[in-house]
Amino acid sequence: MRTAIYVDGFNLYYRTVRGTPHKWLDLKALFTRVLKPSHNIIRIKYFTALVSPTPHDPDKTSRQKTYLRALRCHIPEIEIHYGHFLSHEVKAPLARPVPGRAFETVIKTEEKGSDVNLAVHLLNDAWLDVYDCAVVVSNDSDLAEAMRLVGFHHPSKVIGLVSPEEGRTSKQLKIHANFIRPIRKSVLPACQLPDPIPGTTIHKPVGW
């Protein structure tokens, strides 16, 4: 079965690998383990945005770029699609207001575009007959409508849902999935990219 995988990169990072020593994740190896052998993975579309360095972590951008380069070099089926970050000032209520001061101005940073990009690619690839099975890797309920439309207009296509957080799956997404698979943290050690990436000088970042 021709299978295309649509990965919400930030959802995967924060729900699966953040806080673990397994951030050097080989996506194809992971999904080969999570899915059944009948799935022929023909495409992995990874949706993310480039992070910005911060005073307490000035190297976060270079680590992310190193990982993305490693994915492109090691997995021929992968495509990386970028959203972007927007930062702006907002007034937020204080958890513990004090007399004369109930709000504070803070900088709010939002990742924009990745969920929309994923939804558009999921739908467009269905119309182009790119896949027999589409697998969405996310717990973002905003993707439910795109999954519903694929199922409605292309009833012969299979829609899978891979939950990045074991034991927790979006109810809105579950409704439109033909099957659901969790990512178990126990499989992560066996799904790491080689270090270095063969034929390159790309190494796993220190601390990963």
N, C-alpha and C. Protein backbone atom coordinates (compact mmCIF):
# COMPACT_ATOMS: atom_id res chain seq x y z
N MET A 1 0.84 -1.18 0.00
CA MET A 1 0.00 0.00 0.00
C MET A 1 0.89 1.25 0.00
N ARG A 2 0.70 2.12 -1.00
CA ARG A 2 1.48 3.36 -1.07
C ARG A 2 1.07 4.27 0.10
N THR A 3 2.03 4.56 0.96
CA THR A 3 1.73 5.30 2.18
C THR A 3 2.55 6.58 2.24
N ALA A 4 1.85 7.70 2.42
CA ALA A 4 2.48 9.01 2.62
C ALA A 4 2.23 9.44 4.05
N ILE A 5 3.27 9.96 4.68
CA ILE A 5 3.19 10.33 6.09
C ILE A 5 3.34 11.84 6.24
N TYR A 6 2.46 12.44 7.03
CA TYR A 6 2.40 13.89 7.21
C TYR A 6 2.69 14.20 8.68
N VAL A 7 3.87 14.76 8.94
CA VAL A 7 4.36 14.90 10.31
C VAL A 7 4.28 16.34 10.79
N ASP A 8 3.55 16.56 11.86
CA ASP A 8 3.53 17.83 12.56
C ASP A 8 4.79 17.86 13.43
N GLY A 9 5.84 18.53 12.93
CA GLY A 9 7.14 18.45 13.56
C GLY A 9 7.19 18.90 15.00
N PHE A 10 6.53 20.01 15.33
CA PHE A 10 6.58 20.50 16.69
C PHE A 10 5.75 19.63 17.63
N ASN A 11 4.63 19.11 17.14
CA ASN A 11 3.83 18.20 17.95
C ASN A 11 4.64 16.95 18.27
N LEU A 12 5.35 16.43 17.27
CA LEU A 12 6.17 15.24 17.47
C LEU A 12 7.29 15.55 18.47
N TYR A 13 7.94 16.70 18.31
CA TYR A 13 9.06 17.03 19.20
C TYR A 13 8.60 17.17 20.65
N TYR A 14 7.57 17.98 20.88
CA TYR A 14 7.17 18.27 22.25
C TYR A 14 6.48 17.09 22.92
N ARG A 15 5.81 16.24 22.15
CA ARG A 15 5.06 15.13 22.75
C ARG A 15 5.84 13.82 22.80
N THR A 16 6.91 13.72 22.00
CA THR A 16 7.61 12.44 21.90
C THR A 16 9.04 12.49 22.38
N VAL A 17 9.84 13.43 21.90
CA VAL A 17 11.28 13.36 22.17
C VAL A 17 11.82 14.42 23.12
N ARG A 18 11.10 15.48 23.35
CA ARG A 18 11.60 16.52 24.26
C ARG A 18 11.86 15.92 25.65
N GLY A 19 13.01 16.24 26.19
CA GLY A 19 13.36 15.73 27.51
C GLY A 19 13.93 14.32 27.50
N THR A 20 14.11 13.75 26.31
CA THR A 20 14.71 12.42 26.19
C THR A 20 16.07 12.55 25.51
N PRO A 21 16.90 11.51 25.57
CA PRO A 21 18.18 11.52 24.83
C PRO A 21 18.03 10.98 23.42
N HIS A 22 16.80 11.02 22.87
CA HIS A 22 16.52 10.38 21.58
C HIS A 22 16.02 11.36 20.53
N LYS A 23 16.55 12.59 20.55
CA LYS A 23 16.10 13.61 19.60
C LYS A 23 16.66 13.39 18.19
N TRP A 24 17.70 12.58 18.04
CA TRP A 24 18.33 12.29 16.75
C TRP A 24 17.49 11.22 16.05
N LEU A 25 16.23 11.54 15.84
CA LEU A 25 15.24 10.54 15.47
C LEU A 25 15.22 10.26 13.98
N ASP A 26 15.31 8.99 13.62
CA ASP A 26 15.20 8.54 12.24
C ASP A 26 13.71 8.31 11.95
N LEU A 27 13.11 9.24 11.23
CA LEU A 27 11.66 9.19 11.03
C LEU A 27 11.23 7.97 10.24
N LYS A 28 11.99 7.60 9.22
CA LYS A 28 11.57 6.43 8.44
C LYS A 28 11.67 5.16 9.28
N ALA A 29 12.73 5.02 10.06
CA ALA A 29 12.86 3.85 10.93
C ALA A 29 11.72 3.81 11.94
N LEU A 30 11.36 4.98 12.48
CA LEU A 30 10.27 5.04 13.45
C LEU A 30 8.96 4.58 12.85
N PHE A 31 8.59 5.15 11.69
CA PHE A 31 7.30 4.82 11.12
C PHE A 31 7.27 3.41 10.53
N THR A 32 8.40 2.90 10.13
CA THR A 32 8.47 1.50 9.69
C THR A 32 8.11 0.58 10.86
N ARG A 33 8.54 0.95 12.07
CA ARG A 33 8.21 0.15 13.25
C ARG A 33 6.76 0.34 13.68
N VAL A 34 6.27 1.57 13.59
CA VAL A 34 4.92 1.87 14.08
C VAL A 34 3.85 1.28 13.17
N LEU A 35 4.10 1.30 11.84
CA LEU A 35 3.10 0.82 10.88
C LEU A 35 3.32 -0.66 10.55
N LYS A 36 2.33 -1.25 9.92
CA LYS A 36 2.42 -2.66 9.55
C LYS A 36 3.27 -2.83 8.29
N PRO A 37 3.80 -4.04 8.05
CA PRO A 37 4.65 -4.26 6.87
C PRO A 37 3.97 -4.00 5.53
N SER A 38 2.64 -3.99 5.51
CA SER A 38 1.91 -3.74 4.26
C SER A 38 2.06 -2.31 3.78
N HIS A 39 2.57 -1.42 4.63
CA HIS A 39 2.73 -0.01 4.26
C HIS A 39 4.08 0.19 3.56
N ASN A 40 4.01 0.63 2.31
CA ASN A 40 5.21 1.02 1.56
C ASN A 40 5.35 2.53 1.66
N ILE A 41 6.27 2.98 2.50
CA ILE A 41 6.42 4.42 2.75
C ILE A 41 7.08 5.07 1.54
N ILE A 42 6.29 5.83 0.79
CA ILE A 42 6.80 6.46 -0.43
C ILE A 42 7.16 7.93 -0.21
N ARG A 43 6.64 8.52 0.86
CA ARG A 43 6.88 9.94 1.09
C ARG A 43 6.68 10.25 2.57
N ILE A 44 7.58 11.06 3.12
CA ILE A 44 7.41 11.59 4.48
C ILE A 44 7.51 13.10 4.37
N LYS A 45 6.41 13.78 4.67
CA LYS A 45 6.39 15.24 4.63
C LYS A 45 6.44 15.76 6.06
N TYR A 46 7.49 16.53 6.33
CA TYR A 46 7.78 17.00 7.69
C TYR A 46 7.55 18.51 7.73
N PHE A 47 6.61 18.93 8.57
CA PHE A 47 6.20 20.33 8.64
C PHE A 47 6.72 20.95 9.94
N THR A 48 7.51 22.03 9.79
CA THR A 48 8.14 22.64 10.95
C THR A 48 8.38 24.12 10.67
N ALA A 49 9.07 24.77 11.57
CA ALA A 49 9.51 26.16 11.39
C ALA A 49 10.87 26.29 12.06
N LEU A 50 11.69 27.18 11.54
CA LEU A 50 13.02 27.36 12.11
C LEU A 50 12.92 28.16 13.40
N VAL A 51 13.49 27.61 14.46
CA VAL A 51 13.46 28.29 15.75
C VAL A 51 14.53 29.38 15.78
N SER A 52 14.40 30.30 16.70
CA SER A 52 15.38 31.38 16.85
C SER A 52 16.21 31.14 18.11
N PRO A 53 17.48 31.54 18.10
CA PRO A 53 18.30 31.39 19.31
C PRO A 53 17.78 32.28 20.43
N THR A 54 18.02 31.86 21.64
CA THR A 54 17.62 32.65 22.81
C THR A 54 18.85 32.86 23.69
N PRO A 55 18.81 33.83 24.59
CA PRO A 55 19.98 34.07 25.45
C PRO A 55 20.41 32.85 26.24
N HIS A 56 19.46 32.06 26.72
CA HIS A 56 19.82 30.88 27.51
C HIS A 56 20.12 29.66 26.65
N ASP A 57 19.83 29.74 25.34
CA ASP A 57 20.13 28.62 24.44
C ASP A 57 20.47 29.16 23.05
N PRO A 58 21.67 29.72 22.90
CA PRO A 58 22.04 30.35 21.62
C PRO A 58 22.29 29.35 20.50
N ASP A 59 22.41 28.06 20.80
CA ASP A 59 22.74 27.06 19.78
C ASP A 59 21.53 26.27 19.27
N LYS A 60 20.33 26.64 19.73
CA LYS A 60 19.16 25.82 19.37
C LYS A 60 18.89 25.84 17.86
N THR A 61 19.15 26.97 17.20
CA THR A 61 18.93 27.04 15.75
C THR A 61 19.89 26.12 15.01
N SER A 62 21.17 26.15 15.39
CA SER A 62 22.15 25.32 14.69
C SER A 62 21.87 23.84 14.92
N ARG A 63 21.40 23.46 16.11
CA ARG A 63 21.04 22.05 16.35
C ARG A 63 19.89 21.61 15.46
N GLN A 64 18.87 22.47 15.37
CA GLN A 64 17.72 22.12 14.53
C GLN A 64 18.13 21.99 13.07
N LYS A 65 18.93 22.94 12.57
CA LYS A 65 19.37 22.89 11.17
C LYS A 65 20.22 21.66 10.90
N THR A 66 21.04 21.27 11.86
CA THR A 66 21.84 20.05 11.70
C THR A 66 20.94 18.83 11.57
N TYR A 67 19.91 18.77 12.40
CA TYR A 67 18.98 17.65 12.33
C TYR A 67 18.24 17.61 11.00
N LEU A 68 17.79 18.75 10.53
CA LEU A 68 17.06 18.79 9.26
C LEU A 68 17.97 18.38 8.10
N ARG A 69 19.24 18.80 8.13
CA ARG A 69 20.19 18.38 7.10
C ARG A 69 20.40 16.87 7.16
N ALA A 70 20.47 16.34 8.36
CA ALA A 70 20.65 14.89 8.52
C ALA A 70 19.46 14.13 7.94
N LEU A 71 18.26 14.61 8.20
CA LEU A 71 17.07 13.95 7.64
C LEU A 71 17.11 13.94 6.11
N ARG A 72 17.44 15.09 5.52
CA ARG A 72 17.46 15.19 4.06
C ARG A 72 18.52 14.28 3.46
N CYS A 73 19.67 14.16 4.12
CA CYS A 73 20.75 13.34 3.57
C CYS A 73 20.49 11.85 3.74
N HIS A 74 19.81 11.47 4.80
CA HIS A 74 19.68 10.04 5.14
C HIS A 74 18.37 9.41 4.66
N ILE A 75 17.34 10.22 4.46
CA ILE A 75 16.02 9.66 4.11
C ILE A 75 15.59 10.23 2.77
N PRO A 76 15.74 9.48 1.68
CA PRO A 76 15.40 10.03 0.36
C PRO A 76 13.92 10.36 0.20
N GLU A 77 13.07 9.75 1.01
CA GLU A 77 11.62 9.98 0.87
C GLU A 77 11.15 11.26 1.55
N ILE A 78 12.04 11.95 2.24
CA ILE A 78 11.57 13.07 3.07
C ILE A 78 11.49 14.37 2.29
N GLU A 79 10.48 15.17 2.63
CA GLU A 79 10.34 16.56 2.18
C GLU A 79 10.13 17.40 3.43
N ILE A 80 10.79 18.55 3.51
CA ILE A 80 10.63 19.43 4.66
C ILE A 80 9.95 20.72 4.21
N HIS A 81 8.86 21.05 4.88
CA HIS A 81 8.07 22.24 4.53
C HIS A 81 8.03 23.17 5.75
N TYR A 82 8.26 24.46 5.51
CA TYR A 82 8.46 25.41 6.60
C TYR A 82 7.27 26.35 6.79
N GLY A 83 6.91 26.51 8.04
CA GLY A 83 6.06 27.61 8.45
C GLY A 83 6.97 28.71 9.01
N HIS A 84 6.47 29.50 9.94
CA HIS A 84 7.29 30.57 10.50
C HIS A 84 6.77 30.94 11.88
N PHE A 85 7.58 31.70 12.60
CA PHE A 85 7.19 32.18 13.93
C PHE A 85 6.81 33.65 13.85
N LEU A 86 5.81 34.02 14.62
CA LEU A 86 5.43 35.42 14.79
C LEU A 86 5.52 35.77 16.26
N SER A 87 6.15 36.90 16.57
CA SER A 87 6.23 37.38 17.95
C SER A 87 5.58 38.75 18.04
N HIS A 88 4.78 38.94 19.06
CA HIS A 88 4.15 40.25 19.25
C HIS A 88 3.81 40.43 20.72
N GLU A 89 3.64 41.68 21.11
CA GLU A 89 3.32 41.99 22.50
C GLU A 89 1.81 41.83 22.73
N VAL A 90 1.48 41.21 23.86
CA VAL A 90 0.08 41.10 24.26
C VAL A 90 -0.02 41.39 25.75
N LYS A 91 -1.21 41.81 26.17
CA LYS A 91 -1.45 42.01 27.59
C LYS A 91 -2.04 40.71 28.15
N ALA A 92 -1.42 40.19 29.19
CA ALA A 92 -1.87 38.95 29.80
C ALA A 92 -2.26 39.19 31.25
N PRO A 93 -3.34 38.55 31.72
CA PRO A 93 -3.73 38.73 33.12
C PRO A 93 -2.74 38.04 34.05
N LEU A 94 -2.47 38.66 35.17
CA LEU A 94 -1.57 38.07 36.16
C LEU A 94 -2.28 36.96 36.92
N ALA A 95 -1.54 35.91 37.22
CA ALA A 95 -2.13 34.81 38.00
C ALA A 95 -2.47 35.29 39.40
N ARG A 96 -1.64 36.21 39.91
CA ARG A 96 -1.88 36.77 41.25
C ARG A 96 -1.88 38.29 41.16
N PRO A 97 -3.00 38.87 40.78
CA PRO A 97 -3.07 40.33 40.63
C PRO A 97 -2.74 41.04 41.94
N VAL A 98 -2.15 42.21 41.78
CA VAL A 98 -1.86 43.06 42.95
C VAL A 98 -2.65 44.35 42.76
N PRO A 99 -2.90 45.08 43.82
CA PRO A 99 -3.68 46.32 43.67
C PRO A 99 -3.09 47.24 42.61
N GLY A 100 -3.93 47.64 41.67
CA GLY A 100 -3.53 48.54 40.62
C GLY A 100 -2.78 47.88 39.48
N ARG A 101 -2.62 46.58 39.54
CA ARG A 101 -1.88 45.89 38.48
C ARG A 101 -2.44 44.48 38.28
N ALA A 102 -3.33 44.34 37.31
CA ALA A 102 -3.94 43.04 37.03
C ALA A 102 -3.39 42.41 35.75
N PHE A 103 -2.71 43.22 34.91
CA PHE A 103 -2.22 42.73 33.63
C PHE A 103 -0.73 43.06 33.49
N GLU A 104 -0.06 42.32 32.65
CA GLU A 104 1.34 42.58 32.32
C GLU A 104 1.52 42.41 30.82
N THR A 105 2.39 43.21 30.22
CA THR A 105 2.68 43.06 28.79
C THR A 105 3.77 42.01 28.62
N VAL A 106 3.49 41.01 27.78
CA VAL A 106 4.45 39.92 27.54
C VAL A 106 4.62 39.75 26.03
N ILE A 107 5.69 39.08 25.66
CA ILE A 107 5.91 38.75 24.25
C ILE A 107 5.38 37.35 23.99
N LYS A 108 4.45 37.24 23.07
CA LYS A 108 3.87 35.95 22.72
C LYS A 108 4.43 35.50 21.38
N THR A 109 4.96 34.28 21.35
CA THR A 109 5.52 33.72 20.12
C THR A 109 4.65 32.56 19.67
N GLU A 110 4.24 32.59 18.41
CA GLU A 110 3.37 31.54 17.87
C GLU A 110 3.98 30.98 16.60
N GLU A 111 3.90 29.66 16.48
CA GLU A 111 4.32 29.01 15.24
C GLU A 111 3.12 29.03 14.30
N LYS A 112 3.35 29.57 13.11
CA LYS A 112 2.24 29.74 12.15
C LYS A 112 2.54 28.99 10.85
N GLY A 113 1.52 28.39 10.32
CA GLY A 113 1.62 27.85 8.96
C GLY A 113 1.77 26.36 8.86
N SER A 114 2.37 25.72 9.86
CA SER A 114 2.65 24.29 9.71
C SER A 114 1.37 23.46 9.62
N ASP A 115 0.39 23.76 10.48
CA ASP A 115 -0.84 22.97 10.45
C ASP A 115 -1.61 23.21 9.15
N VAL A 116 -1.62 24.46 8.68
CA VAL A 116 -2.29 24.76 7.41
C VAL A 116 -1.56 24.06 6.26
N ASN A 117 -0.23 24.14 6.26
CA ASN A 117 0.54 23.49 5.20
C ASN A 117 0.28 21.98 5.18
N LEU A 118 0.27 21.38 6.35
CA LEU A 118 0.02 19.93 6.43
C LEU A 118 -1.36 19.60 5.85
N ALA A 119 -2.37 20.35 6.25
CA ALA A 119 -3.73 20.09 5.79
C ALA A 119 -3.84 20.23 4.27
N VAL A 120 -3.22 21.27 3.71
CA VAL A 120 -3.27 21.50 2.26
C VAL A 120 -2.59 20.36 1.50
N HIS A 121 -1.42 19.95 1.99
CA HIS A 121 -0.71 18.86 1.32
C HIS A 121 -1.48 17.55 1.42
N LEU A 122 -2.08 17.29 2.56
CA LEU A 122 -2.87 16.08 2.74
C LEU A 122 -4.01 16.02 1.73
N LEU A 123 -4.71 17.14 1.56
CA LEU A 123 -5.82 17.20 0.62
C LEU A 123 -5.35 17.15 -0.83
N ASN A 124 -4.36 17.96 -1.16
CA ASN A 124 -3.88 18.04 -2.53
C ASN A 124 -3.32 16.70 -3.01
N ASP A 125 -2.58 16.02 -2.13
CA ASP A 125 -2.01 14.73 -2.51
C ASP A 125 -3.09 13.67 -2.72
N ALA A 126 -4.21 13.81 -2.01
CA ALA A 126 -5.33 12.89 -2.25
C ALA A 126 -5.89 13.08 -3.65
N TRP A 127 -6.11 14.35 -4.05
CA TRP A 127 -6.62 14.63 -5.39
C TRP A 127 -5.64 14.19 -6.47
N LEU A 128 -4.34 14.30 -6.19
CA LEU A 128 -3.32 13.91 -7.16
C LEU A 128 -3.06 12.40 -7.16
N ASP A 129 -3.74 11.69 -6.27
CA ASP A 129 -3.58 10.23 -6.13
C ASP A 129 -2.13 9.86 -5.83
N VAL A 130 -1.53 10.61 -4.92
CA VAL A 130 -0.16 10.31 -4.51
C VAL A 130 -0.10 9.06 -3.64
N TYR A 131 -1.14 8.83 -2.86
CA TYR A 131 -1.10 7.74 -1.88
C TYR A 131 -2.37 6.89 -1.91
N ASP A 132 -2.22 5.68 -1.37
CA ASP A 132 -3.37 4.84 -1.04
C ASP A 132 -3.74 5.03 0.42
N CYS A 133 -2.72 5.35 1.22
CA CYS A 133 -2.93 5.57 2.65
C CYS A 133 -2.17 6.82 3.07
N ALA A 134 -2.86 7.71 3.79
CA ALA A 134 -2.22 8.89 4.36
C ALA A 134 -2.18 8.72 5.87
N VAL A 135 -1.02 8.98 6.46
CA VAL A 135 -0.86 8.86 7.91
C VAL A 135 -0.53 10.24 8.47
N VAL A 136 -1.38 10.72 9.35
CA VAL A 136 -1.18 12.01 10.00
C VAL A 136 -0.52 11.78 11.35
N VAL A 137 0.58 12.46 11.60
CA VAL A 137 1.31 12.33 12.86
C VAL A 137 1.13 13.62 13.63
N SER A 138 0.13 13.66 14.48
CA SER A 138 -0.19 14.88 15.23
C SER A 138 -1.30 14.58 16.22
N ASN A 139 -1.44 15.47 17.20
CA ASN A 139 -2.61 15.47 18.07
C ASN A 139 -3.36 16.80 17.96
N ASP A 140 -3.08 17.55 16.89
CA ASP A 140 -3.68 18.86 16.69
C ASP A 140 -5.06 18.72 16.07
N SER A 141 -6.09 19.04 16.84
CA SER A 141 -7.46 18.86 16.37
C SER A 141 -7.80 19.74 15.17
N ASP A 142 -6.99 20.78 14.89
CA ASP A 142 -7.24 21.64 13.73
C ASP A 142 -7.15 20.87 12.42
N LEU A 143 -6.55 19.69 12.43
CA LEU A 143 -6.40 18.90 11.20
C LEU A 143 -7.60 18.01 10.93
N ALA A 144 -8.59 18.03 11.81
CA ALA A 144 -9.73 17.12 11.68
C ALA A 144 -10.51 17.34 10.38
N GLU A 145 -10.72 18.61 10.00
CA GLU A 145 -11.51 18.88 8.81
C GLU A 145 -10.82 18.38 7.54
N ALA A 146 -9.51 18.54 7.45
CA ALA A 146 -8.79 18.03 6.29
C ALA A 146 -8.91 16.51 6.21
N MET A 147 -8.79 15.83 7.33
CA MET A 147 -8.95 14.38 7.34
C MET A 147 -10.37 13.99 6.93
N ARG A 148 -11.36 14.73 7.42
CA ARG A 148 -12.75 14.44 7.07
C ARG A 148 -12.98 14.57 5.57
N LEU A 149 -12.44 15.64 4.97
CA LEU A 149 -12.64 15.87 3.54
C LEU A 149 -11.98 14.79 2.69
N VAL A 150 -10.80 14.34 3.10
CA VAL A 150 -10.16 13.25 2.36
C VAL A 150 -11.05 12.01 2.41
N GLY A 151 -11.55 11.69 3.59
CA GLY A 151 -12.40 10.52 3.73
C GLY A 151 -13.70 10.64 2.95
N PHE A 152 -14.25 11.86 2.90
CA PHE A 152 -15.53 12.06 2.22
C PHE A 152 -15.37 11.99 0.70
N HIS A 153 -14.37 12.67 0.17
CA HIS A 153 -14.19 12.75 -1.28
C HIS A 153 -13.39 11.58 -1.86
N HIS A 154 -12.66 10.88 -1.01
CA HIS A 154 -11.82 9.77 -1.49
C HIS A 154 -12.03 8.56 -0.57
N PRO A 155 -13.23 7.99 -0.59
CA PRO A 155 -13.55 6.93 0.36
C PRO A 155 -12.70 5.67 0.22
N SER A 156 -12.03 5.51 -0.93
CA SER A 156 -11.18 4.32 -1.10
C SER A 156 -9.84 4.48 -0.40
N LYS A 157 -9.50 5.69 -0.02
CA LYS A 157 -8.20 5.92 0.62
C LYS A 157 -8.28 5.68 2.12
N VAL A 158 -7.20 5.15 2.65
CA VAL A 158 -7.11 4.85 4.08
C VAL A 158 -6.45 6.03 4.78
N ILE A 159 -7.00 6.43 5.91
CA ILE A 159 -6.43 7.51 6.70
C ILE A 159 -5.98 6.95 8.05
N GLY A 160 -4.69 7.06 8.31
CA GLY A 160 -4.15 6.61 9.58
C GLY A 160 -3.80 7.78 10.47
N LEU A 161 -3.79 7.54 11.75
CA LEU A 161 -3.43 8.56 12.73
C LEU A 161 -2.37 7.97 13.66
N VAL A 162 -1.23 8.62 13.73
CA VAL A 162 -0.18 8.23 14.67
C VAL A 162 -0.12 9.28 15.76
N SER A 163 -0.37 8.87 16.98
CA SER A 163 -0.38 9.80 18.10
C SER A 163 1.03 9.95 18.66
N PRO A 164 1.56 11.19 18.69
CA PRO A 164 2.90 11.39 19.23
C PRO A 164 2.98 11.20 20.75
N GLU A 165 1.84 11.14 21.41
CA GLU A 165 1.83 11.03 22.87
C GLU A 165 1.09 9.76 23.27
N GLU A 166 1.86 8.80 23.74
CA GLU A 166 1.28 7.51 24.12
C GLU A 166 0.22 7.71 25.19
N GLY A 167 -0.96 7.12 24.95
CA GLY A 167 -2.04 7.21 25.92
C GLY A 167 -2.92 8.43 25.77
N ARG A 168 -2.63 9.28 24.76
CA ARG A 168 -3.46 10.47 24.55
C ARG A 168 -3.61 10.72 23.06
N THR A 169 -4.86 10.74 22.59
CA THR A 169 -5.14 10.97 21.18
C THR A 169 -6.31 11.93 21.05
N SER A 170 -6.19 12.87 20.12
CA SER A 170 -7.26 13.85 19.91
C SER A 170 -8.57 13.16 19.53
N LYS A 171 -9.64 13.45 20.27
CA LYS A 171 -10.94 12.86 19.96
C LYS A 171 -11.43 13.30 18.58
N GLN A 172 -11.15 14.55 18.22
CA GLN A 172 -11.61 15.06 16.93
C GLN A 172 -10.92 14.35 15.77
N LEU A 173 -9.64 14.01 15.93
CA LEU A 173 -8.91 13.32 14.87
C LEU A 173 -9.31 11.84 14.80
N LYS A 174 -9.55 11.23 15.94
CA LYS A 174 -9.89 9.79 15.98
C LYS A 174 -11.13 9.49 15.14
N ILE A 175 -12.05 10.44 15.10
CA ILE A 175 -13.32 10.22 14.38
C ILE A 175 -13.07 9.92 12.91
N HIS A 176 -12.03 10.52 12.33
CA HIS A 176 -11.81 10.45 10.89
C HIS A 176 -10.69 9.48 10.50
N ALA A 177 -10.19 8.72 11.44
CA ALA A 177 -9.08 7.79 11.17
C ALA A 177 -9.59 6.36 11.01
N ASN A 178 -9.05 5.67 10.01
CA ASN A 178 -9.36 4.26 9.83
C ASN A 178 -8.57 3.38 10.79
N PHE A 179 -7.41 3.87 11.22
CA PHE A 179 -6.65 3.16 12.25
C PHE A 179 -5.82 4.17 13.04
N ILE A 180 -5.46 3.78 14.24
CA ILE A 180 -4.69 4.65 15.14
C ILE A 180 -3.52 3.85 15.70
N ARG A 181 -2.35 4.47 15.71
CA ARG A 181 -1.17 3.85 16.29
C ARG A 181 -0.50 4.86 17.24
N PRO A 182 -0.06 4.42 18.40
CA PRO A 182 0.71 5.31 19.28
C PRO A 182 2.21 5.20 18.98
N ILE A 183 2.94 6.23 19.33
CA ILE A 183 4.41 6.14 19.34
C ILE A 183 4.81 5.82 20.77
N ARG A 184 5.35 4.65 20.97
CA ARG A 184 5.79 4.25 22.31
C ARG A 184 7.25 4.67 22.51
N LYS A 185 7.51 5.33 23.62
CA LYS A 185 8.87 5.81 23.88
C LYS A 185 9.88 4.67 23.92
N SER A 186 9.41 3.46 24.17
CA SER A 186 10.32 2.32 24.24
C SER A 186 10.98 2.00 22.90
N VAL A 187 10.38 2.47 21.77
CA VAL A 187 10.97 2.17 20.46
C VAL A 187 12.00 3.22 20.04
N LEU A 188 12.06 4.35 20.73
CA LEU A 188 12.92 5.45 20.30
C LEU A 188 14.40 5.10 20.24
N PRO A 189 14.96 4.37 21.21
CA PRO A 189 16.40 4.06 21.13
C PRO A 189 16.79 3.30 19.87
N ALA A 190 15.88 2.49 19.34
CA ALA A 190 16.18 1.69 18.14
C ALA A 190 15.91 2.46 16.85
N CYS A 191 15.45 3.71 16.96
CA CYS A 191 15.08 4.50 15.78
C CYS A 191 15.89 5.79 15.71
N GLN A 192 17.17 5.68 15.90
CA GLN A 192 18.06 6.83 15.87
C GLN A 192 18.85 6.86 14.57
N LEU A 193 19.11 8.07 14.07
CA LEU A 193 19.95 8.23 12.89
C LEU A 193 21.38 7.79 13.20
N PRO A 194 22.11 7.33 12.19
CA PRO A 194 23.53 7.03 12.43
C PRO A 194 24.31 8.30 12.75
N ASP A 195 25.39 8.15 13.48
CA ASP A 195 26.23 9.29 13.86
C ASP A 195 27.69 8.93 13.60
N PRO A 196 28.31 9.54 12.57
CA PRO A 196 27.75 10.55 11.68
C PRO A 196 26.84 9.95 10.62
N ILE A 197 26.14 10.81 9.86
CA ILE A 197 25.37 10.36 8.71
C ILE A 197 26.36 9.86 7.66
N PRO A 198 26.19 8.62 7.17
CA PRO A 198 27.15 8.06 6.21
C PRO A 198 27.38 8.96 5.00
N GLY A 199 28.66 9.11 4.63
CA GLY A 199 29.02 9.93 3.48
C GLY A 199 29.02 11.41 3.73
N THR A 200 28.84 11.82 4.99
CA THR A 200 28.81 13.25 5.33
C THR A 200 29.65 13.49 6.59
N THR A 201 29.73 14.74 6.97
CA THR A 201 30.36 15.11 8.24
C THR A 201 29.31 15.57 9.24
N ILE A 202 28.06 15.17 9.04
CA ILE A 202 26.96 15.60 9.91
C ILE A 202 26.91 14.70 11.15
N HIS A 203 27.11 15.31 12.31
CA HIS A 203 27.09 14.59 13.57
C HIS A 203 25.90 14.99 14.42
N LYS A 204 25.51 14.09 15.27
CA LYS A 204 24.48 14.38 16.26
C LYS A 204 24.94 15.53 17.16
N PRO A 205 24.11 16.55 17.36
CA PRO A 205 24.50 17.68 18.21
C PRO A 205 24.80 17.24 19.63
N VAL A 206 25.73 17.90 20.25
CA VAL A 206 26.07 17.63 21.64
C VAL A 206 24.83 17.88 22.52
N GLY A 207 24.55 16.96 23.41
CA GLY A 207 23.40 17.11 24.29
C GLY A 207 22.15 16.44 23.77
N TRP A 208 22.20 15.96 22.54
CA TRP A 208 21.05 15.25 21.98
C TRP A 208 21.16 13.75 22.23
